[in-house]
């Protein structure tokens, strides 16, 4: 049990350290990244892919949409079971710039979706990777800087997003959507 408490303290300290960057324009950049990561940028991407890449991209957009629904179900179920409070609830010194979309912290749904969508879109259209991956990193960091998540929430969200994207790409390959 001692090791678990050490990890919790380290996780909390890391969250406090990241949150120290939430000042002036830096906080505004991360707040914007967070809001775009609420889903707007991903829905825009799903709509833009068929325009940019033609009919084949419709199936990729639909795969992303289905994957996004599965990711949402997964992280909501986990949050409902785990009930981990957000860092901003645990520490009154955490500077909160944006309001959380839901009550609980674990895992980071923003990071889960960003990683998952970026993997699928970049696998289908590698030229998009140069823009997707920096944005995905900004979304993940925004969760920490804005005081909304612990580092472990973000790391687990990224791992779950990668696993969900791998499963979606495997299913898409099996269905002939990707290949």
C-alpha atoms as a PDB file:
ATOM      1  CA  UNK A   1       0.000   0.000   0.000  1.00  0.00           C
ATOM      2  CA  UNK A   2       2.936   2.328   0.652  1.00  0.00           C
ATOM      3  CA  UNK A   3       3.955   2.271  -3.015  1.00  0.00           C
ATOM      4  CA  UNK A   4       0.419   3.260  -4.008  1.00  0.00           C
ATOM      5  CA  UNK A   5       0.520   6.289  -1.676  1.00  0.00           C
ATOM      6  CA  UNK A   6       3.892   7.324  -3.096  1.00  0.00           C
ATOM      7  CA  UNK A   7       2.431   7.170  -6.614  1.00  0.00           C
ATOM      8  CA  UNK A   8      -0.609   9.194  -5.543  1.00  0.00           C
ATOM      9  CA  UNK A   9       1.582  11.891  -3.992  1.00  0.00           C
ATOM     10  CA  UNK A  10       3.799  11.986  -7.079  1.00  0.00           C
ATOM     11  CA  UNK A  11       0.723  12.197  -9.345  1.00  0.00           C
ATOM     12  CA  UNK A  12      -0.699  15.062  -7.283  1.00  0.00           C
ATOM     13  CA  UNK A  13       2.645  16.909  -7.229  1.00  0.00           C
ATOM     14  CA  UNK A  14       2.960  16.535 -11.011  1.00  0.00           C
ATOM     15  CA  UNK A  15      -0.534  18.007 -11.435  1.00  0.00           C
ATOM     16  CA  UNK A  16       0.373  20.986  -9.262  1.00  0.00           C
ATOM     17  CA  UNK A  17       3.585  21.520 -11.241  1.00  0.00           C
ATOM     18  CA  UNK A  18       1.801  21.476 -14.622  1.00  0.00           C
ATOM     19  CA  UNK A  19      -0.872  23.829 -13.296  1.00  0.00           C
ATOM     20  CA  UNK A  20       1.777  26.454 -12.474  1.00  0.00           C
ATOM     21  CA  UNK A  21       1.994  27.123 -16.226  1.00  0.00           C
ATOM     22  CA  UNK A  22      -1.680  28.200 -16.249  1.00  0.00           C
ATOM     23  CA  UNK A  23      -0.957  31.915 -16.422  1.00  0.00           C
ATOM     24  CA  UNK A  24      -1.739  34.683 -18.883  1.00  0.00           C
ATOM     25  CA  UNK A  25      -1.549  33.756 -22.558  1.00  0.00           C
ATOM     26  CA  UNK A  26      -0.261  30.229 -21.862  1.00  0.00           C
ATOM     27  CA  UNK A  27      -3.451  29.411 -20.002  1.00  0.00           C
ATOM     28  CA  UNK A  28      -5.479  30.907 -22.847  1.00  0.00           C
ATOM     29  CA  UNK A  29      -3.725  28.725 -25.450  1.00  0.00           C
ATOM     30  CA  UNK A  30      -4.421  25.627 -23.401  1.00  0.00           C
ATOM     31  CA  UNK A  31      -8.016  26.715 -22.739  1.00  0.00           C
ATOM     32  CA  UNK A  32      -8.570  27.087 -26.489  1.00  0.00           C
ATOM     33  CA  UNK A  33      -6.944  23.698 -27.150  1.00  0.00           C
ATOM     34  CA  UNK A  34      -9.179  22.156 -24.503  1.00  0.00           C
ATOM     35  CA  UNK A  35     -12.355  23.657 -25.958  1.00  0.00           C
ATOM     36  CA  UNK A  36     -11.450  22.556 -29.483  1.00  0.00           C
ATOM     37  CA  UNK A  37     -10.730  19.125 -28.035  1.00  0.00           C
ATOM     38  CA  UNK A  38     -14.275  19.025 -26.604  1.00  0.00           C
ATOM     39  CA  UNK A  39     -15.201  17.504 -29.960  1.00  0.00           C
ATOM     40  CA  UNK A  40     -15.452  20.446 -32.324  1.00  0.00           C
ATOM     41  CA  UNK A  41     -12.177  19.850 -34.105  1.00  0.00           C
ATOM     42  CA  UNK A  42     -12.833  16.116 -34.428  1.00  0.00           C
ATOM     43  CA  UNK A  43     -16.311  16.553 -35.905  1.00  0.00           C
ATOM     44  CA  UNK A  44     -14.914  19.156 -38.290  1.00  0.00           C
ATOM     45  CA  UNK A  45     -12.190  16.701 -39.297  1.00  0.00           C
ATOM     46  CA  UNK A  46     -14.731  13.930 -39.900  1.00  0.00           C
ATOM     47  CA  UNK A  47     -16.724  16.272 -42.150  1.00  0.00           C
ATOM     48  CA  UNK A  48     -13.631  17.605 -43.938  1.00  0.00           C
ATOM     49  CA  UNK A  49     -12.041  14.238 -44.761  1.00  0.00           C
ATOM     50  CA  UNK A  50     -14.523  13.302 -47.539  1.00  0.00           C
ATOM     51  CA  UNK A  51     -14.243  16.805 -48.995  1.00  0.00           C
ATOM     52  CA  UNK A  52     -10.447  16.619 -49.060  1.00  0.00           C
ATOM     53  CA  UNK A  53      -9.937  12.931 -49.882  1.00  0.00           C
ATOM     54  CA  UNK A  54     -13.087  11.828 -51.686  1.00  0.00           C
ATOM     55  CA  UNK A  55     -15.534   8.971 -51.226  1.00  0.00           C
ATOM     56  CA  UNK A  56     -13.035   6.611 -49.542  1.00  0.00           C
ATOM     57  CA  UNK A  57     -12.763   9.042 -46.653  1.00  0.00           C
ATOM     58  CA  UNK A  58     -16.468   8.665 -45.850  1.00  0.00           C
ATOM     59  CA  UNK A  59     -15.787   5.190 -44.464  1.00  0.00           C
ATOM     60  CA  UNK A  60     -12.875   6.518 -42.397  1.00  0.00           C
ATOM     61  CA  UNK A  61     -15.051   9.309 -40.998  1.00  0.00           C
ATOM     62  CA  UNK A  62     -17.747   6.776 -40.101  1.00  0.00           C
ATOM     63  CA  UNK A  63     -15.120   4.560 -38.467  1.00  0.00           C
ATOM     64  CA  UNK A  64     -13.937   7.558 -36.441  1.00  0.00           C
ATOM     65  CA  UNK A  65     -17.514   8.367 -35.467  1.00  0.00           C
ATOM     66  CA  UNK A  66     -18.220   4.793 -34.326  1.00  0.00           C
ATOM     67  CA  UNK A  67     -14.906   4.678 -32.485  1.00  0.00           C
ATOM     68  CA  UNK A  68     -15.693   7.988 -30.795  1.00  0.00           C
ATOM     69  CA  UNK A  69     -19.000   6.591 -29.550  1.00  0.00           C
ATOM     70  CA  UNK A  70     -17.223   3.522 -28.145  1.00  0.00           C
ATOM     71  CA  UNK A  71     -14.571   5.712 -26.504  1.00  0.00           C
ATOM     72  CA  UNK A  72     -17.272   7.870 -24.931  1.00  0.00           C
ATOM     73  CA  UNK A  73     -19.051   4.819 -23.546  1.00  0.00           C
ATOM     74  CA  UNK A  74     -15.793   3.443 -22.154  1.00  0.00           C
ATOM     75  CA  UNK A  75     -14.623   6.566 -20.362  1.00  0.00           C
ATOM     76  CA  UNK A  76     -18.094   7.402 -18.996  1.00  0.00           C
ATOM     77  CA  UNK A  77     -18.430   3.874 -17.587  1.00  0.00           C
ATOM     78  CA  UNK A  78     -14.976   4.103 -16.020  1.00  0.00           C
ATOM     79  CA  UNK A  79     -15.672   7.512 -14.477  1.00  0.00           C
ATOM     80  CA  UNK A  80     -18.991   6.246 -13.096  1.00  0.00           C
ATOM     81  CA  UNK A  81     -17.229   3.318 -11.414  1.00  0.00           C
ATOM     82  CA  UNK A  82     -14.028   4.987 -10.213  1.00  0.00           C
ATOM     83  CA  UNK A  83     -15.323   8.414  -9.021  1.00  0.00           C
ATOM     84  CA  UNK A  84     -11.888  10.012  -8.779  1.00  0.00           C
ATOM     85  CA  UNK A  85     -12.205  13.699  -7.867  1.00  0.00           C
ATOM     86  CA  UNK A  86     -10.469  16.224 -10.096  1.00  0.00           C
ATOM     87  CA  UNK A  87      -7.246  17.918  -8.913  1.00  0.00           C
ATOM     88  CA  UNK A  88      -9.071  21.242  -8.723  1.00  0.00           C
ATOM     89  CA  UNK A  89     -11.378  19.703  -6.100  1.00  0.00           C
ATOM     90  CA  UNK A  90      -8.491  18.262  -4.093  1.00  0.00           C
ATOM     91  CA  UNK A  91      -6.371  21.410  -3.975  1.00  0.00           C
ATOM     92  CA  UNK A  92      -7.813  24.919  -3.567  1.00  0.00           C
ATOM     93  CA  UNK A  93      -4.585  26.347  -5.024  1.00  0.00           C
ATOM     94  CA  UNK A  94      -5.149  24.735  -8.432  1.00  0.00           C
ATOM     95  CA  UNK A  95      -5.942  27.563 -10.849  1.00  0.00           C
ATOM     96  CA  UNK A  96      -8.961  26.547 -12.947  1.00  0.00           C
ATOM     97  CA  UNK A  97      -9.399  28.372 -16.277  1.00  0.00           C
ATOM     98  CA  UNK A  98     -12.235  26.328 -17.815  1.00  0.00           C
ATOM     99  CA  UNK A  99     -15.046  24.391 -16.232  1.00  0.00           C
ATOM    100  CA  UNK A 100     -14.921  20.601 -16.458  1.00  0.00           C
ATOM    101  CA  UNK A 101     -17.482  18.915 -18.704  1.00  0.00           C
ATOM    102  CA  UNK A 102     -18.257  16.252 -16.127  1.00  0.00           C
ATOM    103  CA  UNK A 103     -17.608  15.564 -12.473  1.00  0.00           C
ATOM    104  CA  UNK A 104     -14.859  12.958 -12.317  1.00  0.00           C
ATOM    105  CA  UNK A 105     -11.242  12.845 -13.388  1.00  0.00           C
ATOM    106  CA  UNK A 106     -10.195   9.290 -14.316  1.00  0.00           C
ATOM    107  CA  UNK A 107      -9.518   8.779 -17.213  1.00  0.00           C
ATOM    108  CA  UNK A 108      -9.102  11.841 -19.407  1.00  0.00           C
ATOM    109  CA  UNK A 109     -11.752  11.575 -22.112  1.00  0.00           C
ATOM    110  CA  UNK A 110     -10.230  14.465 -24.061  1.00  0.00           C
ATOM    111  CA  UNK A 111      -6.887  12.668 -24.276  1.00  0.00           C
ATOM    112  CA  UNK A 112      -8.532   9.322 -25.028  1.00  0.00           C
ATOM    113  CA  UNK A 113     -10.439  10.811 -27.983  1.00  0.00           C
ATOM    114  CA  UNK A 114      -7.540  12.924 -29.262  1.00  0.00           C
ATOM    115  CA  UNK A 115      -5.139   9.969 -29.356  1.00  0.00           C
ATOM    116  CA  UNK A 116      -7.728   7.627 -30.825  1.00  0.00           C
ATOM    117  CA  UNK A 117      -8.879   9.990 -33.575  1.00  0.00           C
ATOM    118  CA  UNK A 118      -5.319  11.000 -34.440  1.00  0.00           C
ATOM    119  CA  UNK A 119      -4.187   7.397 -34.802  1.00  0.00           C
ATOM    120  CA  UNK A 120      -7.088   6.510 -37.092  1.00  0.00           C
ATOM    121  CA  UNK A 121      -6.872   9.647 -39.238  1.00  0.00           C
ATOM    122  CA  UNK A 122      -3.064   9.514 -39.520  1.00  0.00           C
ATOM    123  CA  UNK A 123      -3.153   5.800 -40.382  1.00  0.00           C
ATOM    124  CA  UNK A 124      -5.581   6.478 -43.219  1.00  0.00           C
ATOM    125  CA  UNK A 125      -4.070   9.803 -44.316  1.00  0.00           C
ATOM    126  CA  UNK A 126      -0.414  10.069 -43.178  1.00  0.00           C
ATOM    127  CA  UNK A 127      -0.086  13.640 -44.468  1.00  0.00           C
ATOM    128  CA  UNK A 128      -2.382  14.759 -41.630  1.00  0.00           C
ATOM    129  CA  UNK A 129      -0.028  13.528 -38.905  1.00  0.00           C
ATOM    130  CA  UNK A 130       2.024  16.746 -38.845  1.00  0.00           C
ATOM    131  CA  UNK A 131      -1.023  18.697 -37.642  1.00  0.00           C
ATOM    132  CA  UNK A 132      -2.843  16.029 -35.653  1.00  0.00           C
ATOM    133  CA  UNK A 133      -0.023  15.016 -33.317  1.00  0.00           C
ATOM    134  CA  UNK A 134       0.954  18.509 -32.122  1.00  0.00           C
ATOM    135  CA  UNK A 135      -2.723  19.259 -31.490  1.00  0.00           C
ATOM    136  CA  UNK A 136      -3.151  15.964 -29.636  1.00  0.00           C
ATOM    137  CA  UNK A 137      -0.195  16.835 -27.400  1.00  0.00           C
ATOM    138  CA  UNK A 138      -1.722  20.283 -26.739  1.00  0.00           C
ATOM    139  CA  UNK A 139      -5.038  18.689 -25.766  1.00  0.00           C
ATOM    140  CA  UNK A 140      -3.344  16.219 -23.423  1.00  0.00           C
ATOM    141  CA  UNK A 141      -1.198  18.932 -21.831  1.00  0.00           C
ATOM    142  CA  UNK A 142      -4.214  21.230 -21.524  1.00  0.00           C
ATOM    143  CA  UNK A 143      -5.882  18.763 -19.188  1.00  0.00           C
ATOM    144  CA  UNK A 144      -2.888  19.038 -16.843  1.00  0.00           C
ATOM    145  CA  UNK A 145      -2.167  22.750 -17.174  1.00  0.00           C
ATOM    146  CA  UNK A 146      -5.817  23.672 -16.657  1.00  0.00           C
ATOM    147  CA  UNK A 147      -5.999  21.634 -13.440  1.00  0.00           C
ATOM    148  CA  UNK A 148      -8.655  19.268 -14.752  1.00  0.00           C
ATOM    149  CA  UNK A 149      -6.725  15.978 -14.611  1.00  0.00           C
ATOM    150  CA  UNK A 150      -3.890  14.178 -12.922  1.00  0.00           C
ATOM    151  CA  UNK A 151      -0.960  12.965 -14.991  1.00  0.00           C
ATOM    152  CA  UNK A 152      -2.139   9.360 -14.537  1.00  0.00           C
ATOM    153  CA  UNK A 153      -5.582  10.309 -15.939  1.00  0.00           C
ATOM    154  CA  UNK A 154      -3.925  11.622 -19.086  1.00  0.00           C
ATOM    155  CA  UNK A 155      -1.503   8.699 -19.466  1.00  0.00           C
ATOM    156  CA  UNK A 156      -4.282   6.123 -19.039  1.00  0.00           C
ATOM    157  CA  UNK A 157      -6.516   8.118 -21.398  1.00  0.00           C
ATOM    158  CA  UNK A 158      -3.755   8.051 -24.034  1.00  0.00           C
ATOM    159  CA  UNK A 159      -3.215   4.301 -23.591  1.00  0.00           C
ATOM    160  CA  UNK A 160      -6.944   3.601 -23.832  1.00  0.00           C
ATOM    161  CA  UNK A 161      -7.197   5.829 -26.901  1.00  0.00           C
ATOM    162  CA  UNK A 162      -4.372   3.938 -28.594  1.00  0.00           C
ATOM    163  CA  UNK A 163      -5.987   0.600 -27.742  1.00  0.00           C
ATOM    164  CA  UNK A 164      -9.394   1.720 -29.002  1.00  0.00           C
ATOM    165  CA  UNK A 165      -7.893   3.058 -32.239  1.00  0.00           C
ATOM    166  CA  UNK A 166      -6.005  -0.192 -32.781  1.00  0.00           C
ATOM    167  CA  UNK A 167      -9.216  -2.141 -32.290  1.00  0.00           C
ATOM    168  CA  UNK A 168     -11.094   0.188 -34.654  1.00  0.00           C
ATOM    169  CA  UNK A 169      -8.409  -0.066 -37.313  1.00  0.00           C
ATOM    170  CA  UNK A 170      -8.426  -3.851 -36.953  1.00  0.00           C
ATOM    171  CA  UNK A 171     -12.199  -3.927 -37.307  1.00  0.00           C
ATOM    172  CA  UNK A 172     -12.004  -1.486 -40.194  1.00  0.00           C
ATOM    173  CA  UNK A 173      -9.447  -3.671 -41.939  1.00  0.00           C
ATOM    174  CA  UNK A 174     -11.603  -6.726 -41.389  1.00  0.00           C
ATOM    175  CA  UNK A 175     -14.599  -4.857 -42.811  1.00  0.00           C
ATOM    176  CA  UNK A 176     -12.559  -3.554 -45.753  1.00  0.00           C
ATOM    177  CA  UNK A 177     -12.755   0.079 -44.586  1.00  0.00           C
ATOM    178  CA  UNK A 178      -9.000   0.464 -44.080  1.00  0.00           C
ATOM    179  CA  UNK A 179      -6.341  -1.514 -45.407  1.00  0.00           C
END
